[in-house]
């Protein structure tokens, strides 16, 4: 299978939103489109598409530039917010190709690290992160107090 990895532009919003909705299905696709359009205008959110030979999106990754991320050594820091591959295309190293492209782009901008997270019980995500070269930095328990 031939595929390419590209950074998303305004023309990719519909495809990006479709794949994003598959990862985060709460809310309609239109909501994702609106969020992406707003975030693209401020330059904080970046999307990457894995596209097959027919031009169909088969995976995506989303990175934001955060002021801080747990375990990071510098600020600001690029943070992998989400990554998703169409199920029939998994286990073909598409996630690795997305991470390699993101890493190269971030390094070219002068960043020295890429951070991410995974829920502690999401073993598949944790394993994938490790296979992409991420190292666990710390574990955190979040708390909430209603007011």
Foldseek 3Di string as FASTA:
>chain_A
DDKDKDKDDLVCLLLQLVQVCVVVVPDDSVVSSVVVVVCVVVPFKIKMFIADPVRHGFKMWMWGFCQDDPQDDDGRAIETEDIDGRVVCPPVCPVLVNLVVVVVVCVVVPHDDYHYDDPPPPVVVVVVCVVSPDDDRDDDDDDDDDD
